Amino acid sequence: MKTDMTLDVTTGCFEAKVDPKTTYTPAYLKLTSAGSEIGIQATDEQLEEIAYAIQLHLNRGRVHEFPDQQMILNAELHTAVEERIA
């Protein structure tokens, strides 16, 4: 089933909530703003993918704000890899 929906949460109150899965239903991601609501039934893996996509978006913005941060992250990763090899 394909459905396209948009919920503008940039103004007014916003709430995001995940109701955990039960025996009979998957987890339910609920996004509410100004009296409108979108609900997404998803597996834990799908919720992780949503969270990962959001985290990637937020990290991209931070790297552009602090250009040296990417160099620091790369150096930390390189150090961690070398320590595991040793």
Protein backbone atom coordinates (compact mmCIF):
# COMPACT_ATOMS: atom_id res chain seq x y z
CA MET A 1 0.00 0.00 0.00
CA LYS A 2 1.45 3.37 -1.01
CA THR A 3 0.38 6.51 0.81
CA ASP A 4 2.00 9.93 0.73
CA MET A 5 1.42 12.23 3.69
CA THR A 6 2.99 15.39 5.01
CA LEU A 7 2.81 16.67 8.56
CA ASP A 8 4.33 20.12 9.03
CA VAL A 9 5.77 20.10 12.54
CA THR A 10 7.81 23.30 12.21
CA THR A 11 5.19 25.40 13.99
CA GLY A 12 3.30 24.82 17.18
CA CYS A 13 3.62 21.93 19.58
CA PHE A 14 5.26 18.71 18.46
CA GLU A 15 5.42 15.30 20.07
CA ALA A 16 7.12 12.11 18.95
CA LYS A 17 6.39 8.88 20.78
CA VAL A 18 6.94 5.17 20.20
CA ASP A 19 4.44 2.73 21.67
CA PRO A 20 6.22 -0.62 22.11
CA LYS A 21 5.17 -3.72 20.24
CA THR A 22 2.74 -6.09 21.82
CA THR A 23 1.90 -9.71 21.15
CA TYR A 24 -0.54 -8.68 18.43
CA THR A 25 0.80 -5.36 17.06
CA PRO A 26 4.19 -4.01 15.96
CA ALA A 27 5.72 -0.89 17.52
CA TYR A 28 3.88 2.33 16.67
CA LEU A 29 5.73 5.59 15.97
CA LYS A 30 3.36 8.49 16.59
CA LEU A 31 4.15 12.02 15.36
CA THR A 32 1.69 14.68 16.55
CA SER A 33 1.55 18.39 15.75
CA ALA A 34 -1.22 20.97 16.06
CA GLY A 35 -3.95 18.37 16.38
CA SER A 36 -2.78 16.25 13.44
CA GLU A 37 -1.17 12.86 13.82
CA ILE A 38 0.72 10.39 11.67
CA GLY A 39 1.27 6.87 12.93
CA ILE A 40 3.74 4.35 11.55
CA GLN A 41 3.69 0.69 12.49
CA ALA A 42 7.24 -0.63 12.22
CA THR A 43 9.59 -3.38 13.34
CA ASP A 44 12.48 -2.52 15.65
CA GLU A 45 14.83 -2.80 12.67
CA GLN A 46 12.76 -0.30 10.69
CA LEU A 47 12.71 2.10 13.64
CA GLU A 48 16.51 1.77 13.84
CA GLU A 49 16.74 2.67 10.15
CA ILE A 50 14.56 5.75 10.71
CA ALA A 51 16.70 6.78 13.69
CA TYR A 52 19.88 6.21 11.65
CA ALA A 53 18.61 8.38 8.78
CA ILE A 54 17.76 11.18 11.21
CA GLN A 55 21.14 10.88 12.95
CA LEU A 56 22.94 11.04 9.58
CA HIS A 57 21.03 14.20 8.73
CA LEU A 58 21.90 15.82 12.05
CA ASN A 59 25.56 14.81 11.82
CA ARG A 60 25.89 16.28 8.31
CA GLY A 61 24.73 19.64 9.62
CA ARG A 62 27.19 19.53 12.50
CA VAL A 63 30.14 18.63 10.28
CA HIS A 64 29.39 21.68 8.09
CA GLU A 65 29.18 23.89 11.16
CA PHE A 66 32.54 22.63 12.42
CA PRO A 67 34.75 21.65 9.44
CA ASP A 68 37.59 20.43 11.67
CA GLN A 69 35.21 18.02 13.39
CA GLN A 70 35.37 15.57 10.47
CA MET A 71 39.16 15.52 10.70
CA ILE A 72 38.91 14.83 14.45
CA LEU A 73 36.40 12.02 13.89
CA ASN A 74 38.64 10.48 11.22
CA ALA A 75 41.68 10.65 13.53
CA GLU A 76 39.74 9.03 16.38
CA LEU A 77 38.54 6.26 14.07
CA HIS A 78 42.08 5.69 12.76
CA THR A 79 43.43 5.49 16.35
CA ALA A 80 40.69 3.04 17.38
CA VAL A 81 41.43 0.79 14.40
CA GLU A 82 45.17 0.83 15.15
CA GLU A 83 44.53 -0.08 18.81
CA ARG A 84 42.39 -3.05 17.80
CA ILE A 85 45.05 -4.27 15.36
CA ALA A 86 47.81 -4.05 18.01
